């Protein structure tokens, strides 16, 4: 089971990738990998988080969340109910899309 990513730590490490020192960049990549692996993730998960496919509908995102959330272990009751509704909803507002993306980021 994947644990939530430590996004503040990953953000701070990503900032170090702009260093002029090649050794610092390599060390930072190793640190990012270690941070990802400690929560059961890899660079593919990070890439998916940074740029989710634009062609994916809100319903598909909600269904992915439901498939990978291990029931309600990673989601609170309100989030789970929202995702279940969004998996069937014909339309999605901007606010709903933002919340759905935040939940997606929490799971992946």
Foldseek 3Di string as FASTA:
>chain_A
DFAFAPVVVLVVLVVQCPDPDPVSNVVSVVVNQVSQVVRPHGVVLVVCLVDPDPVDDQLNLLVVCVVQVVHCPQPDPVLVVLSVCSNPDPDADPVSVVVSSVSSNRRD
